[in-house]
Amino acid sequence: MSWAFAASFAVAFAVAALAYLGLGYGAAALLFQAPPERFYARGISFEAPKGWQCEGQGLETVCDPPSAVDDAVLIIATKTVEPFDTLETYRGILKAPKESGTQHGKFSTVLSEGDTDLGGHIWVDATHRGSEIESYDTRYLATTIGATAVLMTFSCHTPACPALQPELDHLAASVEVLNPGS
């Protein structure tokens, strides 16, 4: 066997070995990714979008996107279901324009309203423009899970909203009530 053949064989073997190791490492990274971070607050848990910071603030949990996206906020509130906490009541409230949170006498524009199935739960789902902040869209998601009512309010600067909606859908689908009761 010539020296040139042995060197070529060794190089080819090393390249093939590195390729297999690289493929193996890549497959392992895909198969064994760390699970998304779960956040626990006021009787629920959910998967926070990557990079978002969530913090309990009194009766609500406020989640902010990474600092690179500073024009959005998510607020999640929970409470014990009372007789008026029904999907029908939520539909009636969320399909109507809301008075602006920043401009007295001005009302929001309802962009969409209906029901959405997320995580096996029916959520009343409505999006308003200008309901909380002028030039922001706010998506409201409301449901009851057992004895717990959950309301999510997601406000984002209108141009940034489409890119952030999949993260909100994933978060809502991941909501688990820790003690659902009846």
N, C-alpha and C. Protein backbone atom coordinates (compact mmCIF):
# COMPACT_ATOMS: atom_id res chain seq x y z
N MET A 1 0.86 -1.17 0.00
CA MET A 1 0.00 0.00 0.00
C MET A 1 0.90 1.23 0.00
N SER A 2 0.60 2.16 -0.89
CA SER A 2 1.46 3.34 -0.99
C SER A 2 1.11 4.35 0.10
N TRP A 3 2.12 5.18 0.35
CA TRP A 3 1.94 6.22 1.37
C TRP A 3 0.83 7.18 0.96
N ALA A 4 0.70 7.55 -0.30
CA ALA A 4 -0.31 8.48 -0.79
C ALA A 4 -1.71 7.90 -0.60
N PHE A 5 -1.84 6.58 -0.88
CA PHE A 5 -3.13 5.92 -0.70
C PHE A 5 -3.51 5.92 0.78
N ALA A 6 -2.57 5.58 1.65
CA ALA A 6 -2.85 5.54 3.09
C ALA A 6 -3.24 6.93 3.61
N ALA A 7 -2.56 7.96 3.15
CA ALA A 7 -2.89 9.32 3.59
C ALA A 7 -4.28 9.71 3.10
N SER A 8 -4.58 9.40 1.84
CA SER A 8 -5.91 9.72 1.30
C SER A 8 -7.00 8.98 2.05
N PHE A 9 -6.73 7.70 2.35
CA PHE A 9 -7.69 6.89 3.09
C PHE A 9 -7.92 7.48 4.48
N ALA A 10 -6.86 7.88 5.16
CA ALA A 10 -6.96 8.45 6.50
C ALA A 10 -7.77 9.75 6.48
N VAL A 11 -7.50 10.60 5.48
CA VAL A 11 -8.23 11.87 5.37
C VAL A 11 -9.71 11.59 5.11
N ALA A 12 -10.00 10.69 4.18
CA ALA A 12 -11.39 10.35 3.85
C ALA A 12 -12.10 9.77 5.07
N PHE A 13 -11.40 8.90 5.80
CA PHE A 13 -11.98 8.31 7.01
C PHE A 13 -12.28 9.39 8.05
N ALA A 14 -11.35 10.31 8.25
CA ALA A 14 -11.53 11.39 9.22
C ALA A 14 -12.71 12.29 8.83
N VAL A 15 -12.82 12.63 7.54
CA VAL A 15 -13.92 13.47 7.07
C VAL A 15 -15.25 12.74 7.29
N ALA A 16 -15.30 11.46 6.93
CA ALA A 16 -16.53 10.69 7.11
C ALA A 16 -16.90 10.60 8.59
N ALA A 17 -15.92 10.36 9.44
CA ALA A 17 -16.18 10.26 10.87
C ALA A 17 -16.72 11.58 11.42
N LEU A 18 -16.10 12.68 11.00
CA LEU A 18 -16.58 13.99 11.45
C LEU A 18 -17.99 14.27 10.94
N ALA A 19 -18.28 13.87 9.72
CA ALA A 19 -19.62 14.08 9.17
C ALA A 19 -20.65 13.28 9.97
N TYR A 20 -20.34 12.02 10.26
CA TYR A 20 -21.26 11.20 11.06
C TYR A 20 -21.43 11.78 12.46
N LEU A 21 -20.34 12.23 13.06
CA LEU A 21 -20.45 12.85 14.38
C LEU A 21 -21.30 14.11 14.31
N GLY A 22 -21.10 14.91 13.28
CA GLY A 22 -21.89 16.13 13.11
C GLY A 22 -23.36 15.83 12.93
N LEU A 23 -23.66 14.83 12.09
CA LEU A 23 -25.05 14.43 11.91
C LEU A 23 -25.65 13.89 13.20
N GLY A 24 -24.87 13.11 13.91
CA GLY A 24 -25.34 12.57 15.19
C GLY A 24 -25.60 13.67 16.19
N TYR A 25 -24.69 14.63 16.26
CA TYR A 25 -24.87 15.75 17.18
C TYR A 25 -26.10 16.56 16.79
N GLY A 26 -26.27 16.81 15.49
CA GLY A 26 -27.44 17.57 15.02
C GLY A 26 -28.74 16.85 15.33
N ALA A 27 -28.77 15.53 15.10
CA ALA A 27 -29.97 14.75 15.41
C ALA A 27 -30.25 14.78 16.90
N ALA A 28 -29.21 14.63 17.71
CA ALA A 28 -29.40 14.67 19.16
C ALA A 28 -29.92 16.03 19.60
N ALA A 29 -29.42 17.09 19.01
CA ALA A 29 -29.87 18.43 19.38
C ALA A 29 -31.35 18.60 19.04
N LEU A 30 -31.78 18.03 17.90
CA LEU A 30 -33.19 18.12 17.54
C LEU A 30 -34.07 17.25 18.43
N LEU A 31 -33.59 16.05 18.72
CA LEU A 31 -34.39 15.11 19.51
C LEU A 31 -34.40 15.42 21.00
N PHE A 32 -33.36 16.02 21.50
CA PHE A 32 -33.23 16.20 22.93
C PHE A 32 -33.11 17.67 23.32
N GLN A 33 -33.91 18.53 22.68
CA GLN A 33 -33.90 19.94 23.03
C GLN A 33 -34.47 20.12 24.44
N ALA A 34 -33.99 21.12 25.12
CA ALA A 34 -34.53 21.43 26.43
C ALA A 34 -35.99 21.83 26.26
N PRO A 35 -36.85 21.38 27.17
CA PRO A 35 -38.25 21.76 27.04
C PRO A 35 -38.43 23.26 27.24
N PRO A 36 -39.47 23.84 26.65
CA PRO A 36 -39.71 25.27 26.86
C PRO A 36 -39.88 25.57 28.35
N GLU A 37 -39.52 26.77 28.74
CA GLU A 37 -39.64 27.17 30.13
C GLU A 37 -41.12 27.32 30.49
N ARG A 38 -41.52 26.67 31.59
CA ARG A 38 -42.89 26.81 32.07
C ARG A 38 -42.90 27.86 33.16
N PHE A 39 -43.92 28.69 33.13
CA PHE A 39 -44.08 29.74 34.12
C PHE A 39 -45.31 29.39 34.95
N TYR A 40 -45.21 29.54 36.25
CA TYR A 40 -46.30 29.22 37.17
C TYR A 40 -46.78 30.50 37.84
N ALA A 41 -48.10 30.73 37.77
CA ALA A 41 -48.65 31.94 38.39
C ALA A 41 -50.13 31.77 38.65
N ARG A 42 -50.57 32.17 39.82
CA ARG A 42 -51.99 32.25 40.18
C ARG A 42 -52.82 31.07 39.70
N GLY A 43 -52.37 29.85 39.97
CA GLY A 43 -53.16 28.67 39.69
C GLY A 43 -53.06 28.13 38.29
N ILE A 44 -52.19 28.70 37.45
CA ILE A 44 -52.00 28.18 36.10
C ILE A 44 -50.51 28.04 35.82
N SER A 45 -50.21 27.28 34.79
CA SER A 45 -48.86 27.25 34.25
C SER A 45 -48.98 27.36 32.73
N PHE A 46 -47.92 27.85 32.11
CA PHE A 46 -47.91 27.97 30.66
C PHE A 46 -46.47 28.03 30.19
N GLU A 47 -46.27 27.76 28.90
CA GLU A 47 -44.95 27.85 28.30
C GLU A 47 -44.73 29.28 27.83
N ALA A 48 -43.79 29.95 28.46
CA ALA A 48 -43.47 31.32 28.06
C ALA A 48 -42.72 31.28 26.74
N PRO A 49 -43.03 32.17 25.81
CA PRO A 49 -42.27 32.22 24.56
C PRO A 49 -40.78 32.45 24.86
N LYS A 50 -39.95 31.87 24.01
CA LYS A 50 -38.50 31.96 24.21
C LYS A 50 -38.05 33.42 24.34
N GLY A 51 -37.35 33.70 25.41
CA GLY A 51 -36.81 35.02 25.64
C GLY A 51 -37.75 35.98 26.36
N TRP A 52 -39.03 35.61 26.49
CA TRP A 52 -39.97 36.48 27.18
C TRP A 52 -39.74 36.38 28.68
N GLN A 53 -39.96 37.47 29.38
CA GLN A 53 -39.84 37.52 30.84
C GLN A 53 -41.23 37.73 31.42
N CYS A 54 -41.64 36.83 32.32
CA CYS A 54 -42.95 36.92 32.94
C CYS A 54 -42.78 37.13 34.44
N GLU A 55 -43.65 37.97 34.98
CA GLU A 55 -43.55 38.31 36.40
C GLU A 55 -44.95 38.51 36.96
N GLY A 56 -45.20 37.91 38.12
CA GLY A 56 -46.47 38.13 38.81
C GLY A 56 -46.51 39.55 39.33
N GLN A 57 -47.63 40.23 39.07
CA GLN A 57 -47.80 41.61 39.55
C GLN A 57 -49.21 41.70 40.13
N GLY A 58 -49.33 41.38 41.42
CA GLY A 58 -50.64 41.39 42.05
C GLY A 58 -51.50 40.27 41.53
N LEU A 59 -52.66 40.62 41.00
CA LEU A 59 -53.60 39.61 40.51
C LEU A 59 -53.31 39.17 39.08
N GLU A 60 -52.31 39.77 38.47
CA GLU A 60 -52.02 39.49 37.07
C GLU A 60 -50.58 39.03 36.90
N THR A 61 -50.33 38.42 35.77
CA THR A 61 -48.99 38.08 35.34
C THR A 61 -48.71 38.89 34.09
N VAL A 62 -47.59 39.59 34.09
CA VAL A 62 -47.23 40.43 32.94
C VAL A 62 -46.00 39.81 32.28
N CYS A 63 -46.09 39.63 30.97
CA CYS A 63 -44.98 39.06 30.21
C CYS A 63 -44.53 40.07 29.16
N ASP A 64 -43.23 40.29 29.11
CA ASP A 64 -42.64 41.20 28.14
C ASP A 64 -41.73 40.43 27.20
N PRO A 65 -41.75 40.80 25.90
CA PRO A 65 -40.89 40.12 24.94
C PRO A 65 -39.43 40.50 25.16
N PRO A 66 -38.53 39.83 24.45
CA PRO A 66 -37.11 40.19 24.56
C PRO A 66 -36.92 41.68 24.26
N SER A 67 -35.86 42.25 24.77
CA SER A 67 -35.65 43.69 24.65
C SER A 67 -35.61 44.17 23.20
N ALA A 68 -35.32 43.28 22.27
CA ALA A 68 -35.28 43.69 20.86
C ALA A 68 -36.69 44.03 20.36
N VAL A 69 -37.72 43.50 21.01
CA VAL A 69 -39.10 43.77 20.64
C VAL A 69 -39.74 44.49 21.81
N ASP A 70 -39.75 45.81 21.77
CA ASP A 70 -40.24 46.54 22.93
C ASP A 70 -41.63 47.12 22.72
N ASP A 71 -42.34 46.64 21.71
CA ASP A 71 -43.65 47.21 21.45
C ASP A 71 -44.78 46.21 21.63
N ALA A 72 -44.67 45.36 22.67
CA ALA A 72 -45.71 44.39 22.96
C ALA A 72 -45.72 44.07 24.45
N VAL A 73 -46.88 43.64 24.94
CA VAL A 73 -47.01 43.20 26.32
C VAL A 73 -48.16 42.20 26.39
N LEU A 74 -48.02 41.21 27.25
CA LEU A 74 -49.05 40.20 27.47
C LEU A 74 -49.40 40.22 28.94
N ILE A 75 -50.70 40.30 29.24
CA ILE A 75 -51.17 40.28 30.62
C ILE A 75 -52.12 39.10 30.75
N ILE A 76 -51.89 38.28 31.76
CA ILE A 76 -52.74 37.11 32.01
C ILE A 76 -53.34 37.26 33.40
N ALA A 77 -54.66 37.13 33.47
CA ALA A 77 -55.35 37.21 34.75
C ALA A 77 -56.19 35.95 34.93
N THR A 78 -56.25 35.47 36.15
CA THR A 78 -57.09 34.32 36.47
C THR A 78 -57.94 34.65 37.68
N LYS A 79 -59.06 33.95 37.79
CA LYS A 79 -59.92 34.10 38.96
C LYS A 79 -60.82 32.89 39.05
N THR A 80 -61.46 32.75 40.18
CA THR A 80 -62.43 31.67 40.35
C THR A 80 -63.69 32.02 39.56
N VAL A 81 -64.20 31.04 38.83
CA VAL A 81 -65.39 31.24 38.01
C VAL A 81 -66.58 31.62 38.90
N GLU A 82 -67.29 32.64 38.46
CA GLU A 82 -68.55 33.04 39.10
C GLU A 82 -69.67 32.78 38.11
N PRO A 83 -70.93 32.86 38.53
CA PRO A 83 -72.04 32.51 37.62
C PRO A 83 -72.02 33.26 36.28
N PHE A 84 -71.56 34.50 36.25
CA PHE A 84 -71.55 35.27 35.00
C PHE A 84 -70.34 34.96 34.13
N ASP A 85 -69.40 34.15 34.60
CA ASP A 85 -68.21 33.80 33.81
C ASP A 85 -68.54 32.64 32.88
N THR A 86 -69.11 32.99 31.74
CA THR A 86 -69.44 32.00 30.72
C THR A 86 -68.86 32.46 29.39
N LEU A 87 -68.67 31.52 28.49
CA LEU A 87 -68.17 31.90 27.16
C LEU A 87 -69.14 32.85 26.47
N GLU A 88 -70.44 32.64 26.67
CA GLU A 88 -71.44 33.52 26.06
C GLU A 88 -71.31 34.95 26.57
N THR A 89 -71.11 35.12 27.87
CA THR A 89 -70.91 36.46 28.43
C THR A 89 -69.64 37.08 27.86
N TYR A 90 -68.56 36.30 27.79
CA TYR A 90 -67.31 36.81 27.24
C TYR A 90 -67.49 37.23 25.78
N ARG A 91 -68.25 36.44 25.01
CA ARG A 91 -68.50 36.79 23.60
C ARG A 91 -69.19 38.15 23.51
N GLY A 92 -70.20 38.34 24.34
CA GLY A 92 -70.94 39.60 24.31
C GLY A 92 -70.06 40.79 24.64
N ILE A 93 -69.18 40.63 25.59
CA ILE A 93 -68.28 41.72 25.98
C ILE A 93 -67.24 41.99 24.90
N LEU A 94 -66.64 40.93 24.38
CA LEU A 94 -65.50 41.12 23.47
C LEU A 94 -65.88 41.45 22.03
N LYS A 95 -67.14 41.21 21.64
CA LYS A 95 -67.52 41.55 20.26
C LYS A 95 -67.89 43.02 20.12
N ALA A 96 -68.06 43.72 21.24
CA ALA A 96 -68.44 45.13 21.20
C ALA A 96 -67.20 46.02 21.26
N PRO A 97 -67.22 47.17 20.55
CA PRO A 97 -66.11 48.11 20.68
C PRO A 97 -65.93 48.54 22.14
N LYS A 98 -64.68 48.76 22.52
CA LYS A 98 -64.35 49.18 23.88
C LYS A 98 -63.90 50.64 23.86
N GLU A 99 -64.20 51.34 24.95
CA GLU A 99 -63.70 52.70 25.05
C GLU A 99 -62.20 52.65 25.20
N SER A 100 -61.52 53.53 24.49
CA SER A 100 -60.06 53.57 24.51
C SER A 100 -59.54 53.76 25.92
N GLY A 101 -58.47 53.07 26.22
CA GLY A 101 -57.84 53.22 27.53
C GLY A 101 -57.05 54.50 27.66
N THR A 102 -56.79 55.16 26.52
CA THR A 102 -55.97 56.38 26.57
C THR A 102 -56.70 57.62 26.07
N GLN A 103 -57.83 57.45 25.37
CA GLN A 103 -58.55 58.60 24.83
C GLN A 103 -60.03 58.50 25.18
N HIS A 104 -60.45 59.28 26.17
CA HIS A 104 -61.84 59.27 26.62
C HIS A 104 -62.79 59.62 25.47
N GLY A 105 -63.84 58.82 25.33
CA GLY A 105 -64.83 59.07 24.29
C GLY A 105 -64.52 58.44 22.95
N LYS A 106 -63.35 57.87 22.77
CA LYS A 106 -62.99 57.21 21.52
C LYS A 106 -63.11 55.70 21.72
N PHE A 107 -63.63 55.00 20.71
CA PHE A 107 -63.87 53.57 20.84
C PHE A 107 -63.00 52.78 19.86
N SER A 108 -62.72 51.55 20.24
CA SER A 108 -61.89 50.67 19.42
C SER A 108 -62.64 50.22 18.18
N THR A 109 -61.85 49.73 17.23
CA THR A 109 -62.39 49.07 16.05
C THR A 109 -62.21 47.57 16.27
N VAL A 110 -63.31 46.82 16.16
CA VAL A 110 -63.23 45.37 16.31
C VAL A 110 -62.73 44.79 14.99
N LEU A 111 -61.55 44.18 15.02
CA LEU A 111 -60.96 43.62 13.80
C LEU A 111 -61.43 42.19 13.56
N SER A 112 -61.62 41.43 14.64
CA SER A 112 -62.10 40.05 14.51
C SER A 112 -62.69 39.62 15.83
N GLU A 113 -63.61 38.66 15.75
CA GLU A 113 -64.15 38.05 16.96
C GLU A 113 -64.71 36.69 16.61
N GLY A 114 -64.61 35.78 17.55
CA GLY A 114 -65.08 34.42 17.33
C GLY A 114 -64.51 33.51 18.40
N ASP A 115 -64.52 32.22 18.12
CA ASP A 115 -63.98 31.22 19.04
C ASP A 115 -62.76 30.57 18.40
N THR A 116 -61.80 30.21 19.24
CA THR A 116 -60.59 29.55 18.79
C THR A 116 -60.33 28.36 19.70
N ASP A 117 -60.00 27.21 19.12
CA ASP A 117 -59.63 26.03 19.90
C ASP A 117 -58.12 26.03 20.07
N LEU A 118 -57.67 26.22 21.28
CA LEU A 118 -56.24 26.20 21.60
C LEU A 118 -56.02 25.24 22.76
N GLY A 119 -55.18 24.24 22.56
CA GLY A 119 -54.88 23.30 23.62
C GLY A 119 -56.08 22.49 24.08
N GLY A 120 -57.06 22.30 23.21
CA GLY A 120 -58.24 21.51 23.58
C GLY A 120 -59.27 22.31 24.36
N HIS A 121 -59.11 23.62 24.45
CA HIS A 121 -60.07 24.48 25.14
C HIS A 121 -60.60 25.50 24.14
N ILE A 122 -61.89 25.80 24.25
CA ILE A 122 -62.47 26.84 23.42
C ILE A 122 -62.22 28.18 24.11
N TRP A 123 -61.60 29.10 23.37
CA TRP A 123 -61.32 30.45 23.86
C TRP A 123 -62.16 31.42 23.05
N VAL A 124 -62.79 32.38 23.72
CA VAL A 124 -63.39 33.49 23.02
C VAL A 124 -62.22 34.37 22.60
N ASP A 125 -62.18 34.74 21.33
CA ASP A 125 -61.01 35.37 20.73
C ASP A 125 -61.45 36.61 19.97
N ALA A 126 -60.99 37.77 20.40
CA ALA A 126 -61.34 39.01 19.71
C ALA A 126 -60.11 39.91 19.64
N THR A 127 -59.98 40.61 18.52
CA THR A 127 -58.90 41.57 18.35
C THR A 127 -59.50 42.94 18.07
N HIS A 128 -59.01 43.93 18.83
CA HIS A 128 -59.47 45.31 18.70
C HIS A 128 -58.28 46.20 18.36
N ARG A 129 -58.52 47.23 17.58
CA ARG A 129 -57.49 48.24 17.33
C ARG A 129 -57.85 49.48 18.16
N GLY A 130 -56.88 49.94 18.97
CA GLY A 130 -57.07 51.15 19.75
C GLY A 130 -57.87 50.99 21.03
N SER A 131 -58.04 49.78 21.52
CA SER A 131 -58.84 49.60 22.74
C SER A 131 -58.05 49.92 24.00
N GLU A 132 -56.78 49.63 23.98
CA GLU A 132 -55.95 49.88 25.16
C GLU A 132 -55.02 51.07 24.92
N ILE A 133 -54.37 51.08 23.75
CA ILE A 133 -53.41 52.12 23.38
C ILE A 133 -53.63 52.46 21.91
N GLU A 134 -53.62 53.74 21.61
CA GLU A 134 -53.76 54.18 20.21
C GLU A 134 -52.65 53.56 19.36
N SER A 135 -52.96 53.13 18.17
CA SER A 135 -52.06 52.52 17.18
C SER A 135 -51.53 51.16 17.63
N TYR A 136 -52.19 50.54 18.58
CA TYR A 136 -51.86 49.18 19.01
C TYR A 136 -53.08 48.30 18.79
N ASP A 137 -52.82 47.04 18.43
CA ASP A 137 -53.88 46.04 18.37
C ASP A 137 -53.83 45.26 19.67
N THR A 138 -55.00 44.90 20.18
CA THR A 138 -55.07 44.09 21.38
C THR A 138 -55.92 42.87 21.09
N ARG A 139 -55.33 41.71 21.35
CA ARG A 139 -56.04 40.45 21.19
C ARG A 139 -56.45 39.98 22.57
N TYR A 140 -57.73 39.68 22.71
CA TYR A 140 -58.27 39.20 23.97
C TYR A 140 -58.63 37.73 23.80
N LEU A 141 -58.17 36.89 24.72
CA LEU A 141 -58.53 35.49 24.76
C LEU A 141 -59.11 35.20 26.14
N ALA A 142 -60.31 34.62 26.18
CA ALA A 142 -60.95 34.34 27.47
C ALA A 142 -61.56 32.95 27.44
N THR A 143 -61.42 32.22 28.54
CA THR A 143 -62.01 30.89 28.64
C THR A 143 -62.23 30.55 30.11
N THR A 144 -62.89 29.45 30.32
CA THR A 144 -62.97 28.87 31.66
C THR A 144 -62.46 27.43 31.55
N ILE A 145 -61.68 27.05 32.52
CA ILE A 145 -61.17 25.68 32.60
C ILE A 145 -61.50 25.20 34.01
N GLY A 146 -62.49 24.30 34.10
CA GLY A 146 -62.94 23.88 35.42
C GLY A 146 -63.50 25.08 36.17
N ALA A 147 -62.99 25.32 37.36
CA ALA A 147 -63.46 26.42 38.20
C ALA A 147 -62.61 27.67 38.06
N THR A 148 -61.77 27.74 37.01
CA THR A 148 -60.87 28.88 36.82
C THR A 148 -61.19 29.60 35.52
N ALA A 149 -61.33 30.92 35.63
CA ALA A 149 -61.49 31.77 34.44
C ALA A 149 -60.13 32.34 34.10
N VAL A 150 -59.79 32.36 32.80
CA VAL A 150 -58.50 32.86 32.34
C VAL A 150 -58.76 33.92 31.28
N LEU A 151 -58.12 35.09 31.43
CA LEU A 151 -58.18 36.14 30.43
C LEU A 151 -56.77 36.54 30.06
N MET A 152 -56.49 36.53 28.76
CA MET A 152 -55.20 37.01 28.25
C MET A 152 -55.46 38.25 27.42
N THR A 153 -54.67 39.27 27.66
CA THR A 153 -54.74 40.52 26.91
C THR A 153 -53.35 40.74 26.31
N PHE A 154 -53.28 40.70 24.98
CA PHE A 154 -52.00 40.83 24.29
C PHE A 154 -52.05 42.07 23.42
N SER A 155 -51.28 43.09 23.79
CA SER A 155 -51.23 44.33 23.02
C SER A 155 -49.89 44.45 22.32
N CYS A 156 -49.94 44.83 21.05
CA CYS A 156 -48.70 45.03 20.30
C CYS A 156 -48.90 46.16 19.29
N HIS A 157 -47.80 46.84 18.99
CA HIS A 157 -47.85 47.89 17.99
C HIS A 157 -48.31 47.24 16.69
N THR A 158 -49.27 47.83 16.03
CA THR A 158 -49.94 47.19 14.90
C THR A 158 -48.99 46.53 13.90
N PRO A 159 -47.90 47.16 13.45
CA PRO A 159 -47.03 46.47 12.48
C PRO A 159 -46.33 45.23 13.04
N ALA A 160 -46.12 45.15 14.35
CA ALA A 160 -45.38 44.03 14.94
C ALA A 160 -46.27 42.81 15.22
N CYS A 161 -47.57 42.99 15.23
CA CYS A 161 -48.48 41.91 15.67
C CYS A 161 -48.40 40.61 14.88
N PRO A 162 -48.44 40.65 13.55
CA PRO A 162 -48.47 39.36 12.83
C PRO A 162 -47.32 38.43 13.19
N ALA A 163 -46.14 38.95 13.40
CA ALA A 163 -44.99 38.10 13.71
C ALA A 163 -45.08 37.51 15.12
N LEU A 164 -45.83 38.14 16.02
CA LEU A 164 -45.90 37.70 17.40
C LEU A 164 -47.09 36.77 17.68
N GLN A 165 -48.08 36.73 16.79
CA GLN A 165 -49.28 35.94 17.03
C GLN A 165 -49.01 34.44 17.23
N PRO A 166 -48.11 33.80 16.47
CA PRO A 166 -47.86 32.38 16.71
C PRO A 166 -47.37 32.09 18.14
N GLU A 167 -46.57 33.00 18.70
CA GLU A 167 -46.10 32.81 20.07
C GLU A 167 -47.26 32.88 21.06
N LEU A 168 -48.19 33.80 20.82
CA LEU A 168 -49.35 33.90 21.70
C LEU A 168 -50.22 32.65 21.59
N ASP A 169 -50.44 32.16 20.36
CA ASP A 169 -51.23 30.94 20.18
C ASP A 169 -50.59 29.78 20.93
N HIS A 170 -49.27 29.64 20.82
CA HIS A 170 -48.58 28.55 21.50
C HIS A 170 -48.72 28.69 23.02
N LEU A 171 -48.55 29.91 23.52
CA LEU A 171 -48.68 30.13 24.97
C LEU A 171 -50.09 29.76 25.42
N ALA A 172 -51.12 30.23 24.72
CA ALA A 172 -52.50 29.95 25.13
C ALA A 172 -52.79 28.45 25.08
N ALA A 173 -52.26 27.77 24.06
CA ALA A 173 -52.48 26.32 23.94
C ALA A 173 -51.79 25.56 25.06
N SER A 174 -50.76 26.16 25.65
CA SER A 174 -50.00 25.46 26.69
C SER A 174 -50.55 25.70 28.10
N VAL A 175 -51.59 26.54 28.24
CA VAL A 175 -52.12 26.86 29.57
C VAL A 175 -52.67 25.60 30.24
N GLU A 176 -52.24 25.38 31.45
CA GLU A 176 -52.77 24.30 32.28
C GLU A 176 -53.22 24.90 33.60
N VAL A 177 -54.43 24.55 34.01
CA VAL A 177 -54.92 24.97 35.32
C VAL A 177 -54.41 23.92 36.32
N LEU A 178 -53.74 24.39 37.35
CA LEU A 178 -53.09 23.47 38.29
C LEU A 178 -54.08 22.75 39.19
N ASN A 179 -55.20 23.35 39.49
CA ASN A 179 -56.23 22.70 40.31
C ASN A 179 -57.59 23.07 39.70
N PRO A 180 -57.99 22.38 38.61
CA PRO A 180 -59.16 22.82 37.87
C PRO A 180 -60.48 22.78 38.64
N GLY A 181 -60.55 22.04 39.72
CA GLY A 181 -61.81 22.00 40.46
C GLY A 181 -62.87 21.29 39.66
N SER A 182 -64.09 21.78 39.75
CA SER A 182 -65.22 21.09 39.09
C SER A 182 -65.28 21.34 37.61
